[in-house]
Amino acid sequence: MLAVESYELIRRGYHLEGKSARKLAIDLGHSRKTVKKVLSLESPPGYRLFKPREHRVLGPFIQAIETWLREDEGRPRKQRHTAQKVFERLRDEFGFCV
C-alpha cells in the first residue's frame, strides 16, 4: 500500500511537472502499473476494514437500539433518541453500566 505522500508525488509530477508515467515510475521506484493506477484514482483510497468489528459491550443491546431508532424515523426531529437518551434507556430498562 502506498503512502499518501507517494500519491501526491505521482500526481504532482504528472499534472504539474509534466513528467510521463514511465519517468515517474523510474524516479520513484514504483511499477508503471502502480503509477497508472494512482493517476486513475480521484483521491487516495481510505482505510478498508476487511471484517466487521465485534461489539463487545453493546453486542447484546444492538437489536433493541436499532428497533428504537427505526421507530424514531417517523417522529419529528426533536422527539428522536439522542445518544444520551439511548444510554439512559439502556441503563433504566436493561441495567446497562459501562
PDB file of N, CA and C in Angstrom:
ATOM      1  N   MET A   1       0.838  -1.167   0.000  1.00  0.00           N
ATOM      2  CA  MET A   1       0.000   0.000   0.000  1.00  0.00           C
ATOM      3  C   MET A   1       0.889   1.239   0.000  1.00  0.00           C
ATOM      4  N   LEU A   2       0.539   2.182  -0.827  1.00  0.00           N
ATOM      5  CA  LEU A   2       1.314   3.408  -0.933  1.00  0.00           C
ATOM      6  C   LEU A   2       0.921   4.399   0.156  1.00  0.00           C
ATOM      7  N   ALA A   3       1.887   5.194   0.563  1.00  0.00           N
ATOM      8  CA  ALA A   3       1.596   6.268   1.499  1.00  0.00           C
ATOM      9  C   ALA A   3       0.964   7.431   0.740  1.00  0.00           C
ATOM     10  N   VAL A   4       0.269   8.279   1.459  1.00  0.00           N
ATOM     11  CA  VAL A   4      -0.390   9.425   0.839  1.00  0.00           C
ATOM     12  C   VAL A   4       0.640  10.330   0.160  1.00  0.00           C
ATOM     13  N   GLU A   5       1.839  10.396   0.728  1.00  0.00           N
ATOM     14  CA  GLU A   5       2.894  11.216   0.137  1.00  0.00           C
ATOM     15  C   GLU A   5       3.262  10.728  -1.263  1.00  0.00           C
ATOM     16  N   SER A   6       3.258   9.409  -1.452  1.00  0.00           N
ATOM     17  CA  SER A   6       3.563   8.853  -2.765  1.00  0.00           C
ATOM     18  C   SER A   6       2.493   9.231  -3.780  1.00  0.00           C
ATOM     19  N   TYR A   7       1.231   9.187  -3.356  1.00  0.00           N
ATOM     20  CA  TYR A   7       0.154   9.618  -4.243  1.00  0.00           C
ATOM     21  C   TYR A   7       0.377  11.066  -4.665  1.00  0.00           C
ATOM     22  N   GLU A   8       0.736  11.898  -3.708  1.00  0.00           N
ATOM     23  CA  GLU A   8       0.945  13.311  -4.009  1.00  0.00           C
ATOM     24  C   GLU A   8       2.116  13.509  -4.966  1.00  0.00           C
ATOM     25  N   LEU A   9       3.220  12.805  -4.729  1.00  0.00           N
ATOM     26  CA  LEU A   9       4.387  12.942  -5.603  1.00  0.00           C
ATOM     27  C   LEU A   9       4.070  12.521  -7.038  1.00  0.00           C
ATOM     28  N   ILE A  10       3.341  11.427  -7.172  1.00  0.00           N
ATOM     29  CA  ILE A  10       2.998  10.937  -8.508  1.00  0.00           C
ATOM     30  C   ILE A  10       2.078  11.922  -9.218  1.00  0.00           C
ATOM     31  N   ARG A  11       1.043  12.380  -8.529  1.00  0.00           N
ATOM     32  CA  ARG A  11       0.091  13.303  -9.152  1.00  0.00           C
ATOM     33  C   ARG A  11       0.741  14.646  -9.475  1.00  0.00           C
ATOM     34  N   ARG A  12       1.569  15.135  -8.557  1.00  0.00           N
ATOM     35  CA  ARG A  12       2.250  16.413  -8.784  1.00  0.00           C
ATOM     36  C   ARG A  12       3.205  16.307  -9.974  1.00  0.00           C
ATOM     37  N   GLY A  13       3.952  15.215 -10.021  1.00  0.00           N
ATOM     38  CA  GLY A  13       4.893  15.025 -11.110  1.00  0.00           C
ATOM     39  C   GLY A  13       4.205  14.928 -12.459  1.00  0.00           C
ATOM     40  N   TYR A  14       3.073  14.259 -12.497  1.00  0.00           N
ATOM     41  CA  TYR A  14       2.368  14.061 -13.763  1.00  0.00           C
ATOM     42  C   TYR A  14       1.624  15.325 -14.208  1.00  0.00           C
ATOM     43  N   HIS A  15       0.839  15.895 -13.298  1.00  0.00           N
ATOM     44  CA  HIS A  15      -0.025  17.008 -13.687  1.00  0.00           C
ATOM     45  C   HIS A  15       0.687  18.362 -13.710  1.00  0.00           C
ATOM     46  N   LEU A  16       1.562  18.615 -12.749  1.00  0.00           N
ATOM     47  CA  LEU A  16       2.187  19.933 -12.672  1.00  0.00           C
ATOM     48  C   LEU A  16       3.537  20.008 -13.386  1.00  0.00           C
ATOM     49  N   GLU A  17       4.341  18.955 -13.229  1.00  0.00           N
ATOM     50  CA  GLU A  17       5.677  18.977 -13.821  1.00  0.00           C
ATOM     51  C   GLU A  17       5.702  18.391 -15.223  1.00  0.00           C
ATOM     52  N   GLY A  18       4.628  17.710 -15.624  1.00  0.00           N
ATOM     53  CA  GLY A  18       4.533  17.182 -16.979  1.00  0.00           C
ATOM     54  C   GLY A  18       5.378  15.950 -17.247  1.00  0.00           C
ATOM     55  N   LYS A  19       5.769  15.231 -16.206  1.00  0.00           N
ATOM     56  CA  LYS A  19       6.552  14.007 -16.404  1.00  0.00           C
ATOM     57  C   LYS A  19       5.653  12.888 -16.895  1.00  0.00           C
ATOM     58  N   SER A  20       6.232  11.959 -17.625  1.00  0.00           N
ATOM     59  CA  SER A  20       5.464  10.810 -18.099  1.00  0.00           C
ATOM     60  C   SER A  20       5.328   9.788 -16.980  1.00  0.00           C
ATOM     61  N   ALA A  21       4.365   8.894 -17.135  1.00  0.00           N
ATOM     62  CA  ALA A  21       4.148   7.841 -16.139  1.00  0.00           C
ATOM     63  C   ALA A  21       5.377   6.943 -16.041  1.00  0.00           C
ATOM     64  N   ARG A  22       6.004   6.667 -17.163  1.00  0.00           N
ATOM     65  CA  ARG A  22       7.196   5.825 -17.166  1.00  0.00           C
ATOM     66  C   ARG A  22       8.334   6.487 -16.394  1.00  0.00           C
ATOM     67  N   LYS A  23       8.538   7.783 -16.611  1.00  0.00           N
ATOM     68  CA  LYS A  23       9.606   8.522 -15.926  1.00  0.00           C
ATOM     69  C   LYS A  23       9.332   8.567 -14.420  1.00  0.00           C
ATOM     70  N   LEU A  24       8.079   8.780 -14.038  1.00  0.00           N
ATOM     71  CA  LEU A  24       7.728   8.789 -12.617  1.00  0.00           C
ATOM     72  C   LEU A  24       7.972   7.419 -11.980  1.00  0.00           C
ATOM     73  N   ALA A  25       7.636   6.361 -12.699  1.00  0.00           N
ATOM     74  CA  ALA A  25       7.841   5.015 -12.173  1.00  0.00           C
ATOM     75  C   ALA A  25       9.324   4.766 -11.911  1.00  0.00           C
ATOM     76  N   ILE A  26      10.168   5.203 -12.825  1.00  0.00           N
ATOM     77  CA  ILE A  26      11.611   5.003 -12.663  1.00  0.00           C
ATOM     78  C   ILE A  26      12.140   5.861 -11.515  1.00  0.00           C
ATOM     79  N   ASP A  27      11.730   7.139 -11.483  1.00  0.00           N
ATOM     80  CA  ASP A  27      12.230   8.062 -10.467  1.00  0.00           C
ATOM     81  C   ASP A  27      11.809   7.668  -9.054  1.00  0.00           C
ATOM     82  N   LEU A  28      10.577   7.234  -8.901  1.00  0.00           N
ATOM     83  CA  LEU A  28      10.038   6.944  -7.564  1.00  0.00           C
ATOM     84  C   LEU A  28      10.174   5.479  -7.160  1.00  0.00           C
ATOM     85  N   GLY A  29      10.562   4.624  -8.099  1.00  0.00           N
ATOM     86  CA  GLY A  29      10.773   3.221  -7.760  1.00  0.00           C
ATOM     87  C   GLY A  29       9.501   2.396  -7.684  1.00  0.00           C
ATOM     88  N   HIS A  30       8.470   2.818  -8.382  1.00  0.00           N
ATOM     89  CA  HIS A  30       7.221   2.058  -8.438  1.00  0.00           C
ATOM     90  C   HIS A  30       7.065   1.484  -9.837  1.00  0.00           C
ATOM     91  N   SER A  31       6.171   0.503  -9.964  1.00  0.00           N
ATOM     92  CA  SER A  31       5.924  -0.056 -11.286  1.00  0.00           C
ATOM     93  C   SER A  31       5.043   0.895 -12.096  1.00  0.00           C
ATOM     94  N   ARG A  32       5.056   0.730 -13.409  1.00  0.00           N
ATOM     95  CA  ARG A  32       4.225   1.565 -14.269  1.00  0.00           C
ATOM     96  C   ARG A  32       2.747   1.322 -13.999  1.00  0.00           C
ATOM     97  N   LYS A  33       2.395   0.077 -13.649  1.00  0.00           N
ATOM     98  CA  LYS A  33       1.008  -0.232 -13.328  1.00  0.00           C
ATOM     99  C   LYS A  33       0.545   0.528 -12.080  1.00  0.00           C
ATOM    100  N   THR A  34       1.424   0.611 -11.098  1.00  0.00           N
ATOM    101  CA  THR A  34       1.089   1.335  -9.877  1.00  0.00           C
ATOM    102  C   THR A  34       0.880   2.816 -10.165  1.00  0.00           C
ATOM    103  N   VAL A  35       1.766   3.393 -10.956  1.00  0.00           N
ATOM    104  CA  VAL A  35       1.649   4.804 -11.297  1.00  0.00           C
ATOM    105  C   VAL A  35       0.362   5.047 -12.084  1.00  0.00           C
ATOM    106  N   LYS A  36       0.049   4.160 -13.010  1.00  0.00           N
ATOM    107  CA  LYS A  36      -1.161   4.297 -13.808  1.00  0.00           C
ATOM    108  C   LYS A  36      -2.407   4.195 -12.920  1.00  0.00           C
ATOM    109  N   LYS A  37      -2.369   3.296 -11.957  1.00  0.00           N
ATOM    110  CA  LYS A  37      -3.493   3.129 -11.042  1.00  0.00           C
ATOM    111  C   LYS A  37      -3.694   4.382 -10.192  1.00  0.00           C
ATOM    112  N   VAL A  38      -2.599   4.946  -9.681  1.00  0.00           N
ATOM    113  CA  VAL A  38      -2.685   6.160  -8.874  1.00  0.00           C
ATOM    114  C   VAL A  38      -3.272   7.297  -9.693  1.00  0.00           C
ATOM    115  N   LEU A  39      -2.861   7.418 -10.932  1.00  0.00           N
ATOM    116  CA  LEU A  39      -3.354   8.504 -11.773  1.00  0.00           C
ATOM    117  C   LEU A  39      -4.825   8.316 -12.153  1.00  0.00           C
ATOM    118  N   SER A  40      -5.312   7.091 -12.132  1.00  0.00           N
ATOM    119  CA  SER A  40      -6.710   6.853 -12.487  1.00  0.00           C
ATOM    120  C   SER A  40      -7.659   7.158 -11.326  1.00  0.00           C
ATOM    121  N   LEU A  41      -7.143   7.176 -10.103  1.00  0.00           N
ATOM    122  CA  LEU A  41      -7.985   7.443  -8.933  1.00  0.00           C
ATOM    123  C   LEU A  41      -8.149   8.942  -8.719  1.00  0.00           C
ATOM    124  N   GLU A  42      -9.324   9.344  -8.231  1.00  0.00           N
ATOM    125  CA  GLU A  42      -9.547  10.752  -7.939  1.00  0.00           C
ATOM    126  C   GLU A  42      -8.868  11.168  -6.644  1.00  0.00           C
ATOM    127  N   SER A  43      -8.877  10.280  -5.661  1.00  0.00           N
ATOM    128  CA  SER A  43      -8.225  10.563  -4.386  1.00  0.00           C
ATOM    129  C   SER A  43      -7.678   9.248  -3.828  1.00  0.00           C
ATOM    130  N   PRO A  44      -6.725   9.317  -2.914  1.00  0.00           N
ATOM    131  CA  PRO A  44      -6.188   8.082  -2.352  1.00  0.00           C
ATOM    132  C   PRO A  44      -7.278   7.289  -1.635  1.00  0.00           C
ATOM    133  N   PRO A  45      -7.265   5.973  -1.773  1.00  0.00           N
ATOM    134  CA  PRO A  45      -8.293   5.175  -1.100  1.00  0.00           C
ATOM    135  C   PRO A  45      -8.106   5.244   0.411  1.00  0.00           C
ATOM    136  N   GLY A  46      -9.197   5.223   1.129  1.00  0.00           N
ATOM    137  CA  GLY A  46      -9.150   5.262   2.589  1.00  0.00           C
ATOM    138  C   GLY A  46      -8.892   3.883   3.169  1.00  0.00           C
ATOM    139  N   TYR A  47      -8.907   3.826   4.469  1.00  0.00           N
ATOM    140  CA  TYR A  47      -8.725   2.565   5.171  1.00  0.00           C
ATOM    141  C   TYR A  47      -9.940   1.675   4.947  1.00  0.00           C
ATOM    142  N   ARG A  48      -9.705   0.421   4.627  1.00  0.00           N
ATOM    143  CA  ARG A  48     -10.798  -0.523   4.415  1.00  0.00           C
ATOM    144  C   ARG A  48     -10.754  -1.593   5.491  1.00  0.00           C
ATOM    145  N   LEU A  49     -11.871  -1.788   6.128  1.00  0.00           N
ATOM    146  CA  LEU A  49     -11.994  -2.799   7.168  1.00  0.00           C
ATOM    147  C   LEU A  49     -12.383  -4.118   6.501  1.00  0.00           C
ATOM    148  N   PHE A  50     -11.584  -5.162   6.692  1.00  0.00           N
ATOM    149  CA  PHE A  50     -11.820  -6.417   5.999  1.00  0.00           C
ATOM    150  C   PHE A  50     -12.902  -7.268   6.647  1.00  0.00           C
ATOM    151  N   LYS A  51     -13.010  -7.229   7.940  1.00  0.00           N
ATOM    152  CA  LYS A  51     -14.083  -7.962   8.605  1.00  0.00           C
ATOM    153  C   LYS A  51     -14.707  -7.046   9.653  1.00  0.00           C
ATOM    154  N   PRO A  52     -15.988  -7.188   9.902  1.00  0.00           N
ATOM    155  CA  PRO A  52     -16.637  -6.295  10.862  1.00  0.00           C
ATOM    156  C   PRO A  52     -16.085  -6.493  12.271  1.00  0.00           C
ATOM    157  N   ARG A  53     -16.042  -5.417  13.018  1.00  0.00           N
ATOM    158  CA  ARG A  53     -15.545  -5.480  14.390  1.00  0.00           C
ATOM    159  C   ARG A  53     -16.613  -6.027  15.322  1.00  0.00           C
ATOM    160  N   GLU A  54     -16.151  -6.623  16.400  1.00  0.00           N
ATOM    161  CA  GLU A  54     -17.078  -7.131  17.410  1.00  0.00           C
ATOM    162  C   GLU A  54     -17.592  -5.971  18.245  1.00  0.00           C
ATOM    163  N   HIS A  55     -18.819  -6.111  18.712  1.00  0.00           N
ATOM    164  CA  HIS A  55     -19.382  -5.140  19.640  1.00  0.00           C
ATOM    165  C   HIS A  55     -19.368  -5.798  21.012  1.00  0.00           C
ATOM    166  N   ARG A  56     -18.275  -5.650  21.707  1.00  0.00           N
ATOM    167  CA  ARG A  56     -18.106  -6.373  22.969  1.00  0.00           C
ATOM    168  C   ARG A  56     -19.037  -5.884  24.060  1.00  0.00           C
ATOM    169  N   VAL A  57     -19.236  -4.586  24.142  1.00  0.00           N
ATOM    170  CA  VAL A  57     -20.051  -4.044  25.222  1.00  0.00           C
ATOM    171  C   VAL A  57     -21.512  -3.947  24.808  1.00  0.00           C
ATOM    172  N   LEU A  58     -21.758  -3.416  23.618  1.00  0.00           N
ATOM    173  CA  LEU A  58     -23.133  -3.196  23.171  1.00  0.00           C
ATOM    174  C   LEU A  58     -23.740  -4.375  22.426  1.00  0.00           C
ATOM    175  N   GLY A  59     -22.988  -5.418  22.208  1.00  0.00           N
ATOM    176  CA  GLY A  59     -23.456  -6.548  21.415  1.00  0.00           C
ATOM    177  C   GLY A  59     -24.849  -7.044  21.749  1.00  0.00           C
ATOM    178  N   PRO A  60     -25.151  -7.325  23.012  1.00  0.00           N
ATOM    179  CA  PRO A  60     -26.487  -7.832  23.341  1.00  0.00           C
ATOM    180  C   PRO A  60     -27.604  -6.803  23.175  1.00  0.00           C
ATOM    181  N   PHE A  61     -27.263  -5.529  23.100  1.00  0.00           N
ATOM    182  CA  PHE A  61     -28.266  -4.471  23.079  1.00  0.00           C
ATOM    183  C   PHE A  61     -28.485  -3.859  21.697  1.00  0.00           C
ATOM    184  N   ILE A  62     -27.700  -4.256  20.713  1.00  0.00           N
ATOM    185  CA  ILE A  62     -27.774  -3.625  19.394  1.00  0.00           C
ATOM    186  C   ILE A  62     -29.151  -3.791  18.769  1.00  0.00           C
ATOM    187  N   GLN A  63     -29.747  -4.942  18.924  1.00  0.00           N
ATOM    188  CA  GLN A  63     -31.075  -5.184  18.354  1.00  0.00           C
ATOM    189  C   GLN A  63     -32.097  -4.198  18.916  1.00  0.00           C
ATOM    190  N   ALA A  64     -32.062  -3.975  20.222  1.00  0.00           N
ATOM    191  CA  ALA A  64     -33.004  -3.043  20.855  1.00  0.00           C
ATOM    192  C   ALA A  64     -32.754  -1.614  20.381  1.00  0.00           C
ATOM    193  N   ILE A  65     -31.495  -1.210  20.300  1.00  0.00           N
ATOM    194  CA  ILE A  65     -31.150   0.146  19.863  1.00  0.00           C
ATOM    195  C   ILE A  65     -31.623   0.375  18.427  1.00  0.00           C
ATOM    196  N   GLU A  66     -31.393  -0.595  17.549  1.00  0.00           N
ATOM    197  CA  GLU A  66     -31.828  -0.461  16.159  1.00  0.00           C
ATOM    198  C   GLU A  66     -33.347  -0.364  16.064  1.00  0.00           C
ATOM    199  N   THR A  67     -34.060  -1.092  16.905  1.00  0.00           N
ATOM    200  CA  THR A  67     -35.518  -1.016  16.925  1.00  0.00           C
ATOM    201  C   THR A  67     -35.971   0.380  17.331  1.00  0.00           C
ATOM    202  N   TRP A  68     -35.355   0.933  18.378  1.00  0.00           N
ATOM    203  CA  TRP A  68     -35.710   2.283  18.829  1.00  0.00           C
ATOM    204  C   TRP A  68     -35.468   3.312  17.725  1.00  0.00           C
ATOM    205  N   LEU A  69     -34.346   3.182  17.038  1.00  0.00           N
ATOM    206  CA  LEU A  69     -34.014   4.157  16.001  1.00  0.00           C
ATOM    207  C   LEU A  69     -34.921   4.021  14.783  1.00  0.00           C
ATOM    208  N   ARG A  70     -35.343   2.791  14.473  1.00  0.00           N
ATOM    209  CA  ARG A  70     -36.288   2.600  13.373  1.00  0.00           C
ATOM    210  C   ARG A  70     -37.638   3.228  13.710  1.00  0.00           C
ATOM    211  N   GLU A  71     -38.060   3.094  14.977  1.00  0.00           N
ATOM    212  CA  GLU A  71     -39.317   3.706  15.411  1.00  0.00           C
ATOM    213  C   GLU A  71     -39.236   5.233  15.352  1.00  0.00           C
ATOM    214  N   ASP A  72     -38.049   5.772  15.543  1.00  0.00           N
ATOM    215  CA  ASP A  72     -37.856   7.221  15.550  1.00  0.00           C
ATOM    216  C   ASP A  72     -37.915   7.847  14.162  1.00  0.00           C
ATOM    217  N   GLU A  73     -37.825   7.060  13.109  1.00  0.00           N
ATOM    218  CA  GLU A  73     -37.755   7.611  11.756  1.00  0.00           C
ATOM    219  C   GLU A  73     -38.984   8.445  11.402  1.00  0.00           C
ATOM    220  N   GLY A  74     -40.140   8.095  11.908  1.00  0.00           N
ATOM    221  CA  GLY A  74     -41.353   8.831  11.591  1.00  0.00           C
ATOM    222  C   GLY A  74     -41.623  10.001  12.524  1.00  0.00           C
ATOM    223  N   ARG A  75     -40.862  10.123  13.582  1.00  0.00           N
ATOM    224  CA  ARG A  75     -41.090  11.173  14.566  1.00  0.00           C
ATOM    225  C   ARG A  75     -40.424  12.480  14.163  1.00  0.00           C
ATOM    226  N   PRO A  76     -40.900  13.581  14.728  1.00  0.00           N
ATOM    227  CA  PRO A  76     -40.203  14.853  14.500  1.00  0.00           C
ATOM    228  C   PRO A  76     -38.782  14.794  15.053  1.00  0.00           C
ATOM    229  N   ARG A  77     -37.921  15.620  14.513  1.00  0.00           N
ATOM    230  CA  ARG A  77     -36.502  15.570  14.856  1.00  0.00           C
ATOM    231  C   ARG A  77     -36.247  15.754  16.350  1.00  0.00           C
ATOM    232  N   LYS A  78     -36.973  16.635  16.974  1.00  0.00           N
ATOM    233  CA  LYS A  78     -36.746  16.923  18.397  1.00  0.00           C
ATOM    234  C   LYS A  78     -37.196  15.793  19.311  1.00  0.00           C
ATOM    235  N   GLN A  79     -38.001  14.871  18.813  1.00  0.00           N
ATOM    236  CA  GLN A  79     -38.513  13.791  19.646  1.00  0.00           C
ATOM    237  C   GLN A  79     -37.759  12.482  19.449  1.00  0.00           C
ATOM    238  N   ARG A  80     -36.724  12.493  18.651  1.00  0.00           N
ATOM    239  CA  ARG A  80     -35.956  11.272  18.393  1.00  0.00           C
ATOM    240  C   ARG A  80     -34.968  11.001  19.517  1.00  0.00           C
ATOM    241  N   HIS A  81     -34.468   9.766  19.551  1.00  0.00           N
ATOM    242  CA  HIS A  81     -33.479   9.388  20.563  1.00  0.00           C
ATOM    243  C   HIS A  81     -32.133  10.046  20.257  1.00  0.00           C
ATOM    244  N   THR A  82     -31.524  10.618  21.271  1.00  0.00           N
ATOM    245  CA  THR A  82     -30.150  11.086  21.179  1.00  0.00           C
ATOM    246  C   THR A  82     -29.276  10.015  21.807  1.00  0.00           C
ATOM    247  N   ALA A  83     -27.984  10.177  21.720  1.00  0.00           N
ATOM    248  CA  ALA A  83     -27.077   9.205  22.335  1.00  0.00           C
ATOM    249  C   ALA A  83     -27.311   9.153  23.843  1.00  0.00           C
ATOM    250  N   GLN A  84     -27.543  10.315  24.429  1.00  0.00           N
ATOM    251  CA  GLN A  84     -27.799  10.374  25.873  1.00  0.00           C
ATOM    252  C   GLN A  84     -29.090   9.636  26.228  1.00  0.00           C
ATOM    253  N   LYS A  85     -30.118   9.838  25.436  1.00  0.00           N
ATOM    254  CA  LYS A  85     -31.398   9.157  25.689  1.00  0.00           C
ATOM    255  C   LYS A  85     -31.259   7.645  25.522  1.00  0.00           C
ATOM    256  N   VAL A  86     -30.510   7.216  24.512  1.00  0.00           N
ATOM    257  CA  VAL A  86     -30.287   5.778  24.310  1.00  0.00           C
ATOM    258  C   VAL A  86     -29.570   5.201  25.520  1.00  0.00           C
ATOM    259  N   PHE A  87     -28.543   5.905  26.002  1.00  0.00           N
ATOM    260  CA  PHE A  87     -27.808   5.424  27.168  1.00  0.00           C
ATOM    261  C   PHE A  87     -28.725   5.327  28.387  1.00  0.00           C
ATOM    262  N   GLU A  88     -29.516   6.375  28.619  1.00  0.00           N
ATOM    263  CA  GLU A  88     -30.410   6.371  29.781  1.00  0.00           C
ATOM    264  C   GLU A  88     -31.427   5.247  29.689  1.00  0.00           C
ATOM    265  N   ARG A  89     -31.944   5.016  28.513  1.00  0.00           N
ATOM    266  CA  ARG A  89     -32.929   3.950  28.347  1.00  0.00           C
ATOM    267  C   ARG A  89     -32.294   2.574  28.538  1.00  0.00           C
ATOM    268  N   LEU A  90     -31.076   2.391  28.038  1.00  0.00           N
ATOM    269  CA  LEU A  90     -30.361   1.125  28.268  1.00  0.00           C
ATOM    270  C   LEU A  90     -30.112   0.915  29.753  1.00  0.00           C
ATOM    271  N   ARG A  91     -29.715   1.967  30.424  1.00  0.00           N
ATOM    272  CA  ARG A  91     -29.440   1.884  31.860  1.00  0.00           C
ATOM    273  C   ARG A  91     -30.700   1.544  32.641  1.00  0.00           C
ATOM    274  N   ASP A  92     -31.818   2.213  32.309  1.00  0.00           N
ATOM    275  CA  ASP A  92     -33.048   2.017  33.061  1.00  0.00           C
ATOM    276  C   ASP A  92     -33.730   0.686  32.751  1.00  0.00           C
ATOM    277  N   GLU A  93     -33.774   0.304  31.481  1.00  0.00           N
ATOM    278  CA  GLU A  93     -34.529  -0.886  31.092  1.00  0.00           C
ATOM    279  C   GLU A  93     -33.724  -2.183  31.192  1.00  0.00           C
ATOM    280  N   PHE A  94     -32.406  -2.101  30.927  1.00  0.00           N
ATOM    281  CA  PHE A  94     -31.602  -3.325  30.877  1.00  0.00           C
ATOM    282  C   PHE A  94     -30.536  -3.391  31.958  1.00  0.00           C
ATOM    283  N   GLY A  95     -30.397  -2.355  32.766  1.00  0.00           N
ATOM    284  CA  GLY A  95     -29.366  -2.352  33.795  1.00  0.00           C
ATOM    285  C   GLY A  95     -27.964  -2.209  33.219  1.00  0.00           C
ATOM    286  N   PHE A  96     -27.862  -1.538  32.089  1.00  0.00           N
ATOM    287  CA  PHE A  96     -26.574  -1.355  31.410  1.00  0.00           C
ATOM    288  C   PHE A  96     -25.681  -0.420  32.207  1.00  0.00           C
ATOM    289  N   CYS A  97     -24.431  -0.818  32.399  1.00  0.00           N
ATOM    290  CA  CYS A  97     -23.452   0.077  33.033  1.00  0.00           C
ATOM    291  C   CYS A  97     -22.114  -0.113  32.302  1.00  0.00           C
ATOM    292  N   VAL A  98     -21.385   0.965  32.191  1.00  0.00           N
ATOM    293  CA  VAL A  98     -20.140   0.938  31.428  1.00  0.00           C
ATOM    294  C   VAL A  98     -19.017   0.396  32.235  1.00  0.00           C
TER     295      VAL A  98
END
